PDB file of N, CA and C in Angstrom:
ATOM      1  N   MET A   1       0.897  -0.823  -0.106  1.00  0.00           N
ATOM      2  CA  MET A   1      -0.084   0.170  -0.262  1.00  0.00           C
ATOM      3  C   MET A   1       0.477   1.174   0.021  1.00  0.00           C
ATOM      4  N   THR A   2       0.723   2.255  -0.871  1.00  0.00           N
ATOM      5  CA  THR A   2       1.129   3.660  -0.786  1.00  0.00           C
ATOM      6  C   THR A   2       1.197   4.657  -0.461  1.00  0.00           C
ATOM      7  N   ARG A   3       1.344   5.503   0.155  1.00  0.00           N
ATOM      8  CA  ARG A   3       0.174   6.841   0.773  1.00  0.00           C
ATOM      9  C   ARG A   3       1.326   7.927  -0.103  1.00  0.00           C
ATOM     10  N   PRO A   4       0.687   9.057  -0.236  1.00  0.00           N
ATOM     11  CA  PRO A   4       1.279  10.149  -0.818  1.00  0.00           C
ATOM     12  C   PRO A   4       2.252  10.806   0.685  1.00  0.00           C
ATOM     13  N   VAL A   5       3.495  11.138   0.329  1.00  0.00           N
ATOM     14  CA  VAL A   5       4.257  11.952   1.782  1.00  0.00           C
ATOM     15  C   VAL A   5       3.680  13.695   1.493  1.00  0.00           C
ATOM     16  N   VAL A   6       3.276  13.849   1.975  1.00  0.00           N
ATOM     17  CA  VAL A   6       2.511  15.417   1.966  1.00  0.00           C
ATOM     18  C   VAL A   6       4.275  15.982   3.230  1.00  0.00           C
ATOM     19  N   PRO A   7       5.014  17.416   2.795  1.00  0.00           N
ATOM     20  CA  PRO A   7       5.235  17.828   3.367  1.00  0.00           C
ATOM     21  C   PRO A   7       4.783  18.882   4.357  1.00  0.00           C
ATOM     22  N   LEU A   8       5.011  19.459   5.527  1.00  0.00           N
ATOM     23  CA  LEU A   8       4.738  20.468   5.896  1.00  0.00           C
ATOM     24  C   LEU A   8       4.382  22.128   5.655  1.00  0.00           C
ATOM     25  N   ASN A   9       4.647  21.959   4.047  1.00  0.00           N
ATOM     26  CA  ASN A   9       4.304  23.356   3.515  1.00  0.00           C
ATOM     27  C   ASN A   9       3.028  22.752   2.006  1.00  0.00           C
ATOM     28  N   GLY A  10       2.474  21.703   2.262  1.00  0.00           N
ATOM     29  CA  GLY A  10       1.256  21.533   2.282  1.00  0.00           C
ATOM     30  C   GLY A  10       1.672  20.852   0.277  1.00  0.00           C
ATOM     31  N   HIS A  11       2.297  21.132  -0.250  1.00  0.00           N
ATOM     32  CA  HIS A  11       2.745  20.513  -1.631  1.00  0.00           C
ATOM     33  C   HIS A  11       3.022  19.060  -1.813  1.00  0.00           C
ATOM     34  N   ARG A  12       2.201  18.585  -2.348  1.00  0.00           N
ATOM     35  CA  ARG A  12       2.507  17.735  -2.853  1.00  0.00           C
ATOM     36  C   ARG A  12       3.851  17.464  -3.821  1.00  0.00           C
ATOM     37  N   PRO A  13       4.526  15.771  -3.406  1.00  0.00           N
ATOM     38  CA  PRO A  13       5.769  15.587  -3.943  1.00  0.00           C
ATOM     39  C   PRO A  13       5.863  14.641  -4.978  1.00  0.00           C
ATOM     40  N   ALA A  14       6.703  14.696  -6.344  1.00  0.00           N
ATOM     41  CA  ALA A  14       6.729  13.807  -7.238  1.00  0.00           C
ATOM     42  C   ALA A  14       6.480  12.559  -7.066  1.00  0.00           C
ATOM     43  N   ILE A  15       6.483  12.344  -5.121  1.00  0.00           N
ATOM     44  CA  ILE A  15       6.889  10.541  -5.737  1.00  0.00           C
ATOM     45  C   ILE A  15       6.532  10.151  -4.160  1.00  0.00           C
ATOM     46  N   GLU A  16       5.819   9.021  -4.314  1.00  0.00           N
ATOM     47  CA  GLU A  16       5.262   8.387  -3.178  1.00  0.00           C
ATOM     48  C   GLU A  16       6.502   7.340  -1.955  1.00  0.00           C
ATOM     49  N   ALA A  17       5.952   6.740  -1.179  1.00  0.00           N
ATOM     50  CA  ALA A  17       6.354   6.639   0.163  1.00  0.00           C
ATOM     51  C   ALA A  17       5.651   4.927   0.236  1.00  0.00           C
ATOM     52  N   THR A  18       6.213   4.265   0.205  1.00  0.00           N
ATOM     53  CA  THR A  18       5.588   2.606   1.024  1.00  0.00           C
ATOM     54  C   THR A  18       5.800   2.958   2.060  1.00  0.00           C
ATOM     55  N   ILE A  19       4.788   2.497   2.874  1.00  0.00           N
ATOM     56  CA  ILE A  19       4.670   2.082   4.079  1.00  0.00           C
ATOM     57  C   ILE A  19       5.611   0.688   4.639  1.00  0.00           C
ATOM     58  N   GLY A  20       6.563   1.248   5.429  1.00  0.00           N
ATOM     59  CA  GLY A  20       7.480   0.090   5.831  1.00  0.00           C
ATOM     60  C   GLY A  20       8.306   0.233   5.269  1.00  0.00           C
ATOM     61  N   GLU A  21       8.723   1.025   4.178  1.00  0.00           N
ATOM     62  CA  GLU A  21       9.743   1.087   3.689  1.00  0.00           C
ATOM     63  C   GLU A  21      10.965   2.126   4.161  1.00  0.00           C
ATOM     64  N   HIS A  22      12.314   2.239   4.191  1.00  0.00           N
ATOM     65  CA  HIS A  22      12.836   3.260   5.201  1.00  0.00           C
ATOM     66  C   HIS A  22      13.345   4.000   4.833  1.00  0.00           C
ATOM     67  N   ASP A  23      13.217   5.091   5.299  1.00  0.00           N
ATOM     68  CA  ASP A  23      13.729   6.076   5.557  1.00  0.00           C
ATOM     69  C   ASP A  23      14.538   6.874   5.293  1.00  0.00           C
ATOM     70  N   ASP A  24      15.223   7.055   3.605  1.00  0.00           N
ATOM     71  CA  ASP A  24      16.262   8.066   3.757  1.00  0.00           C
ATOM     72  C   ASP A  24      16.986   8.601   4.078  1.00  0.00           C
ATOM     73  N   ALA A  25      15.589   9.615   5.182  1.00  0.00           N
ATOM     74  CA  ALA A  25      16.344  10.810   5.871  1.00  0.00           C
ATOM     75  C   ALA A  25      17.251  10.400   7.722  1.00  0.00           C
ATOM     76  N   THR A  26      16.681   9.392   7.240  1.00  0.00           N
ATOM     77  CA  THR A  26      17.474   8.500   9.102  1.00  0.00           C
ATOM     78  C   THR A  26      18.468   7.990   7.979  1.00  0.00           C
ATOM     79  N   PRO A  27      19.852   8.283   8.324  1.00  0.00           N
ATOM     80  CA  PRO A  27      20.899   7.513   7.590  1.00  0.00           C
ATOM     81  C   PRO A  27      20.974   5.994   8.991  1.00  0.00           C
ATOM     82  N   ALA A  28      21.680   5.424   8.385  1.00  0.00           N
ATOM     83  CA  ALA A  28      22.101   4.477   9.254  1.00  0.00           C
ATOM     84  C   ALA A  28      22.821   4.958  10.338  1.00  0.00           C
ATOM     85  N   GLY A  29      22.371   4.815  11.266  1.00  0.00           N
ATOM     86  CA  GLY A  29      23.702   4.724  12.713  1.00  0.00           C
ATOM     87  C   GLY A  29      23.156   5.821  13.645  1.00  0.00           C
ATOM     88  N   VAL A  30      22.104   6.857  13.020  1.00  0.00           N
ATOM     89  CA  VAL A  30      21.865   8.280  13.917  1.00  0.00           C
ATOM     90  C   VAL A  30      20.906   7.363  14.838  1.00  0.00           C
ATOM     91  N   GLN A  31      20.908   7.884  16.233  1.00  0.00           N
ATOM     92  CA  GLN A  31      19.751   7.748  16.712  1.00  0.00           C
ATOM     93  C   GLN A  31      18.770   8.330  16.843  1.00  0.00           C
ATOM     94  N   VAL A  32      17.337   7.747  17.137  1.00  0.00           N
ATOM     95  CA  VAL A  32      16.128   9.055  16.923  1.00  0.00           C
ATOM     96  C   VAL A  32      15.586   8.618  18.695  1.00  0.00           C
ATOM     97  N   PRO A  33      15.607  10.352  19.403  1.00  0.00           N
ATOM     98  CA  PRO A  33      15.121  10.462  20.405  1.00  0.00           C
ATOM     99  C   PRO A  33      14.398   9.453  20.586  1.00  0.00           C
ATOM    100  N   CYS A  34      13.898   8.469  22.387  1.00  0.00           N
ATOM    101  CA  CYS A  34      13.417   7.803  22.511  1.00  0.00           C
ATOM    102  C   CYS A  34      12.004   7.979  23.595  1.00  0.00           C
ATOM    103  N   ILE A  35      10.737   8.473  22.525  1.00  0.00           N
ATOM    104  CA  ILE A  35       9.987   9.679  23.097  1.00  0.00           C
ATOM    105  C   ILE A  35       8.908   8.633  23.950  1.00  0.00           C
ATOM    106  N   ALA A  36       8.828   7.348  24.459  1.00  0.00           N
ATOM    107  CA  ALA A  36       8.366   6.295  24.860  1.00  0.00           C
ATOM    108  C   ALA A  36       8.907   5.060  24.994  1.00  0.00           C
ATOM    109  N   LEU A  37       9.148   4.616  26.635  1.00  0.00           N
ATOM    110  CA  LEU A  37       9.704   3.457  26.517  1.00  0.00           C
ATOM    111  C   LEU A  37       9.056   2.384  26.771  1.00  0.00           C
ATOM    112  N   ASP A  38       9.240   0.793  26.416  1.00  0.00           N
ATOM    113  CA  ASP A  38       8.569  -0.250  27.405  1.00  0.00           C
ATOM    114  C   ASP A  38       8.750  -0.793  28.040  1.00  0.00           C
ATOM    115  N   LEU A  39       8.200  -1.446  28.430  1.00  0.00           N
ATOM    116  CA  LEU A  39       8.181  -2.152  29.995  1.00  0.00           C
ATOM    117  C   LEU A  39       9.146  -2.378  30.395  1.00  0.00           C
ATOM    118  N   SER A  40      10.277  -2.866  29.560  1.00  0.00           N
ATOM    119  CA  SER A  40      11.276  -4.078  29.630  1.00  0.00           C
ATOM    120  C   SER A  40      12.517  -2.666  30.063  1.00  0.00           C
ATOM    121  N   LYS A  41      12.162  -1.842  29.186  1.00  0.00           N
ATOM    122  CA  LYS A  41      13.410  -0.351  28.854  1.00  0.00           C
ATOM    123  C   LYS A  41      13.058   0.391  30.325  1.00  0.00           C
ATOM    124  N   ALA A  42      11.902   0.342  30.693  1.00  0.00           N
ATOM    125  CA  ALA A  42      11.682   0.976  31.652  1.00  0.00           C
ATOM    126  C   ALA A  42      12.042   0.546  32.946  1.00  0.00           C
ATOM    127  N   ALA A  43      11.236  -0.432  33.260  1.00  0.00           N
ATOM    128  CA  ALA A  43      11.883  -1.667  34.642  1.00  0.00           C
ATOM    129  C   ALA A  43      13.408  -1.383  34.365  1.00  0.00           C
ATOM    130  N   ALA A  44      14.289  -1.753  33.530  1.00  0.00           N
ATOM    131  CA  ALA A  44      15.835  -1.519  33.404  1.00  0.00           C
ATOM    132  C   ALA A  44      16.464   0.132  33.836  1.00  0.00           C
ATOM    133  N   ALA A  45      15.552   1.393  33.167  1.00  0.00           N
ATOM    134  CA  ALA A  45      16.141   2.412  33.600  1.00  0.00           C
ATOM    135  C   ALA A  45      15.657   2.551  34.843  1.00  0.00           C
ATOM    136  N   LEU A  46      15.025   2.206  35.440  1.00  0.00           N
ATOM    137  CA  LEU A  46      14.303   1.965  37.395  1.00  0.00           C
ATOM    138  C   LEU A  46      15.600   0.925  38.143  1.00  0.00           C
ATOM    139  N   SER A  47      15.414  -0.001  37.526  1.00  0.00           N
ATOM    140  CA  SER A  47      16.113  -0.916  38.025  1.00  0.00           C
ATOM    141  C   SER A  47      16.110  -1.303  38.942  1.00  0.00           C
ATOM    142  N   ILE A  48      14.904  -2.018  38.165  1.00  0.00           N
ATOM    143  CA  ILE A  48      13.347  -3.001  39.124  1.00  0.00           C
ATOM    144  C   ILE A  48      13.225  -3.908  38.200  1.00  0.00           C
ATOM    145  N   SER A  49      12.617  -5.033  38.330  1.00  0.00           N
ATOM    146  CA  SER A  49      12.199  -6.015  37.543  1.00  0.00           C
ATOM    147  C   SER A  49      10.611  -5.374  36.718  1.00  0.00           C
ATOM    148  N   PRO A  50      10.688  -5.957  35.254  1.00  0.00           N
ATOM    149  CA  PRO A  50       9.557  -5.593  34.855  1.00  0.00           C
ATOM    150  C   PRO A  50       8.226  -5.918  35.320  1.00  0.00           C
ATOM    151  N   ARG A  51       8.652  -7.288  35.729  1.00  0.00           N
ATOM    152  CA  ARG A  51       7.121  -7.502  36.858  1.00  0.00           C
ATOM    153  C   ARG A  51       6.776  -6.314  38.031  1.00  0.00           C
ATOM    154  N   LEU A  52       7.558  -5.910  38.637  1.00  0.00           N
ATOM    155  CA  LEU A  52       7.543  -5.328  39.441  1.00  0.00           C
ATOM    156  C   LEU A  52       6.794  -3.722  39.482  1.00  0.00           C
ATOM    157  N   LEU A  53       7.129  -3.690  38.094  1.00  0.00           N
ATOM    158  CA  LEU A  53       6.889  -2.253  37.318  1.00  0.00           C
ATOM    159  C   LEU A  53       5.717  -2.509  37.037  1.00  0.00           C
ATOM    160  N   ASP A  54       5.355  -3.403  36.227  1.00  0.00           N
ATOM    161  CA  ASP A  54       4.179  -3.477  35.515  1.00  0.00           C
ATOM    162  C   ASP A  54       2.763  -3.616  36.688  1.00  0.00           C
ATOM    163  N   GLU A  55       3.140  -4.290  37.844  1.00  0.00           N
ATOM    164  CA  GLU A  55       2.551  -3.680  39.002  1.00  0.00           C
ATOM    165  C   GLU A  55       2.012  -2.301  39.856  1.00  0.00           C
ATOM    166  N   LEU A  56       2.950  -1.610  39.770  1.00  0.00           N
ATOM    167  CA  LEU A  56       3.146  -0.516  40.420  1.00  0.00           C
ATOM    168  C   LEU A  56       2.280   0.423  39.248  1.00  0.00           C
ATOM    169  N   ALA A  57       2.656   0.166  37.448  1.00  0.00           N
ATOM    170  CA  ALA A  57       2.191   0.463  37.000  1.00  0.00           C
ATOM    171  C   ALA A  57       0.337   0.775  36.539  1.00  0.00           C
ATOM    172  N   ARG A  58      -0.008  -0.544  36.766  1.00  0.00           N
ATOM    173  CA  ARG A  58      -1.744  -1.108  37.458  1.00  0.00           C
ATOM    174  C   ARG A  58      -2.043  -0.353  38.032  1.00  0.00           C
ATOM    175  N   ALA A  59      -1.092  -0.566  39.492  1.00  0.00           N
ATOM    176  CA  ALA A  59      -1.944   0.153  40.299  1.00  0.00           C
ATOM    177  C   ALA A  59      -2.072   1.623  39.863  1.00  0.00           C
ATOM    178  N   GLY A  60      -1.429   2.304  39.256  1.00  0.00           N
ATOM    179  CA  GLY A  60      -1.512   3.934  38.827  1.00  0.00           C
ATOM    180  C   GLY A  60      -0.611   4.299  40.063  1.00  0.00           C
ATOM    181  N   THR A  61       0.894   4.333  40.063  1.00  0.00           N
ATOM    182  CA  THR A  61       1.467   4.974  41.381  1.00  0.00           C
ATOM    183  C   THR A  61       2.361   4.789  40.381  1.00  0.00           C
ATOM    184  N   VAL A  62       3.038   4.092  39.782  1.00  0.00           N
ATOM    185  CA  VAL A  62       3.888   5.003  38.315  1.00  0.00           C
ATOM    186  C   VAL A  62       3.205   5.536  37.566  1.00  0.00           C
ATOM    187  N   PRO A  63       3.650   6.555  36.589  1.00  0.00           N
ATOM    188  CA  PRO A  63       2.782   7.045  35.350  1.00  0.00           C
ATOM    189  C   PRO A  63       2.931   6.579  34.552  1.00  0.00           C
ATOM    190  N   SER A  64       2.335   5.867  33.426  1.00  0.00           N
ATOM    191  CA  SER A  64       1.725   4.973  32.400  1.00  0.00           C
ATOM    192  C   SER A  64       1.105   5.312  31.354  1.00  0.00           C
ATOM    193  N   PHE A  65       0.781   5.002  30.354  1.00  0.00           N
ATOM    194  CA  PHE A  65      -0.062   5.263  29.382  1.00  0.00           C
ATOM    195  C   PHE A  65       0.002   3.399  28.684  1.00  0.00           C
ATOM    196  N   ARG A  66      -1.114   3.609  28.092  1.00  0.00           N
ATOM    197  CA  ARG A  66      -0.925   2.437  26.877  1.00  0.00           C
ATOM    198  C   ARG A  66      -1.761   2.407  25.457  1.00  0.00           C
ATOM    199  N   ILE A  67      -1.667   1.915  24.320  1.00  0.00           N
ATOM    200  CA  ILE A  67      -1.421   2.256  23.220  1.00  0.00           C
ATOM    201  C   ILE A  67      -1.733   1.083  22.680  1.00  0.00           C
ATOM    202  N   GLY A  68      -3.436   0.122  22.649  1.00  0.00           N
ATOM    203  CA  GLY A  68      -3.226  -0.691  22.209  1.00  0.00           C
ATOM    204  C   GLY A  68      -3.393  -1.390  23.862  1.00  0.00           C
ATOM    205  N   ARG A  69      -2.181  -2.614  23.697  1.00  0.00           N
ATOM    206  CA  ARG A  69      -2.200  -3.879  24.690  1.00  0.00           C
ATOM    207  C   ARG A  69      -0.806  -3.304  25.124  1.00  0.00           C
ATOM    208  N   ARG A  70      -0.602  -3.037  24.476  1.00  0.00           N
ATOM    209  CA  ARG A  70       1.052  -2.033  25.291  1.00  0.00           C
ATOM    210  C   ARG A  70       1.221  -0.958  26.080  1.00  0.00           C
ATOM    211  N   ARG A  71       1.962  -1.398  26.939  1.00  0.00           N
ATOM    212  CA  ARG A  71       2.223  -0.390  28.524  1.00  0.00           C
ATOM    213  C   ARG A  71       3.151   0.327  28.055  1.00  0.00           C
ATOM    214  N   LEU A  72       3.132   1.965  28.167  1.00  0.00           N
ATOM    215  CA  LEU A  72       4.232   2.389  27.788  1.00  0.00           C
ATOM    216  C   LEU A  72       4.716   3.880  28.936  1.00  0.00           C
ATOM    217  N   PHE A  73       5.968   4.131  28.741  1.00  0.00           N
ATOM    218  CA  PHE A  73       6.052   5.103  30.227  1.00  0.00           C
ATOM    219  C   PHE A  73       6.954   6.526  29.089  1.00  0.00           C
ATOM    220  N   ASP A  74       6.564   7.152  29.390  1.00  0.00           N
ATOM    221  CA  ASP A  74       7.299   9.071  29.104  1.00  0.00           C
ATOM    222  C   ASP A  74       8.715   8.818  30.449  1.00  0.00           C
ATOM    223  N   PRO A  75       9.574   9.050  29.549  1.00  0.00           N
ATOM    224  CA  PRO A  75      10.692   8.918  29.777  1.00  0.00           C
ATOM    225  C   PRO A  75      10.572  10.429  31.282  1.00  0.00           C
ATOM    226  N   ASP A  76      10.191  11.606  30.369  1.00  0.00           N
ATOM    227  CA  ASP A  76      10.182  12.745  31.633  1.00  0.00           C
ATOM    228  C   ASP A  76      10.015  12.658  32.615  1.00  0.00           C
ATOM    229  N   ALA A  77       7.919  12.000  32.474  1.00  0.00           N
ATOM    230  CA  ALA A  77       7.281  11.263  33.278  1.00  0.00           C
ATOM    231  C   ALA A  77       7.828  10.217  34.530  1.00  0.00           C
ATOM    232  N   LEU A  78       8.381   9.943  34.210  1.00  0.00           N
ATOM    233  CA  LEU A  78       9.536   8.942  35.157  1.00  0.00           C
ATOM    234  C   LEU A  78      10.437   9.344  35.937  1.00  0.00           C
ATOM    235  N   ARG A  79      11.295  10.168  35.061  1.00  0.00           N
ATOM    236  CA  ARG A  79      12.505  11.503  36.019  1.00  0.00           C
ATOM    237  C   ARG A  79      11.735  12.131  37.085  1.00  0.00           C
ATOM    238  N   GLN A  80      10.258  12.404  36.427  1.00  0.00           N
ATOM    239  CA  GLN A  80       9.222  13.614  37.630  1.00  0.00           C
ATOM    240  C   GLN A  80       8.879  12.449  38.955  1.00  0.00           C
ATOM    241  N   TRP A  81       8.893  11.532  38.696  1.00  0.00           N
ATOM    242  CA  TRP A  81       7.554  10.350  39.269  1.00  0.00           C
ATOM    243  C   TRP A  81       9.395   9.968  40.369  1.00  0.00           C
ATOM    244  N   VAL A  82      10.505  10.082  39.869  1.00  0.00           N
ATOM    245  CA  VAL A  82      11.400   9.295  40.716  1.00  0.00           C
ATOM    246  C   VAL A  82      11.868  10.908  41.519  1.00  0.00           C
ATOM    247  N   SER A  83      11.838  11.472  40.948  1.00  0.00           N
ATOM    248  CA  SER A  83      12.781  13.007  41.514  1.00  0.00           C
ATOM    249  C   SER A  83      11.430  12.959  42.427  1.00  0.00           C
ATOM    250  N   ALA A  84       9.979  12.870  42.644  1.00  0.00           N
ATOM    251  CA  ALA A  84       8.924  13.121  44.163  1.00  0.00           C
ATOM    252  C   ALA A  84       9.416  12.034  45.095  1.00  0.00           C
ATOM    253  N   GLN A  85       9.913  10.521  44.901  1.00  0.00           N
ATOM    254  CA  GLN A  85      10.393   9.948  45.236  1.00  0.00           C
ATOM    255  C   GLN A  85      11.090  10.115  46.123  1.00  0.00           C
ATOM    256  N   ALA A  86      12.694  10.256  45.655  1.00  0.00           N
ATOM    257  CA  ALA A  86      13.307  10.588  46.065  1.00  0.00           C
ATOM    258  C   ALA A  86      13.350  12.383  47.125  1.00  0.00           C
ATOM    259  N   GLU A  87      11.995  12.777  47.238  1.00  0.00           N
ATOM    260  CA  GLU A  87      11.988  13.828  47.779  1.00  0.00           C
ATOM    261  C   GLU A  87      11.371  13.960  49.231  1.00  0.00           C
ATOM    262  N   GLY A  88      10.807  12.350  49.351  1.00  0.00           N
ATOM    263  CA  GLY A  88      10.061  11.880  50.187  1.00  0.00           C
ATOM    264  C   GLY A  88       8.349  12.207  49.514  1.00  0.00           C
ATOM    265  N   GLY A  89       7.424  12.412  48.468  1.00  0.00           N
ATOM    266  CA  GLY A  89       6.485  12.575  48.096  1.00  0.00           C
ATOM    267  C   GLY A  89       5.954  11.226  48.177  1.00  0.00           C
ATOM    268  N   ALA A  90       4.610  10.869  47.789  1.00  0.00           N
ATOM    269  CA  ALA A  90       3.607  10.295  46.998  1.00  0.00           C
ATOM    270  C   ALA A  90       3.540  10.185  46.013  1.00  0.00           C
ATOM    271  N   SER A  91       2.883   9.481  45.360  1.00  0.00           N
ATOM    272  CA  SER A  91       3.408   8.611  43.955  1.00  0.00           C
ATOM    273  C   SER A  91       2.554  10.168  43.553  1.00  0.00           C
TER     274      SER A  91
END
């Protein structure tokens, strides 16, 4: 399935991109900043087990959100939560 690529200026380019196609604008080896962490990466960042983090997130103790069936974590929200814990604040 192809879809037209529409730049921010609204003009349609002469080429179309295929969904799932490699993006030539991002060269190999360039890291894209992570805007959401999955359960295992967030648990590793907090130095706790994924099971414990899942329990805390389900209870609403740790900030998280869901996209479909996946539970994801905003790195900035996790940093704020950790700072609040370090200051002795409740979740």
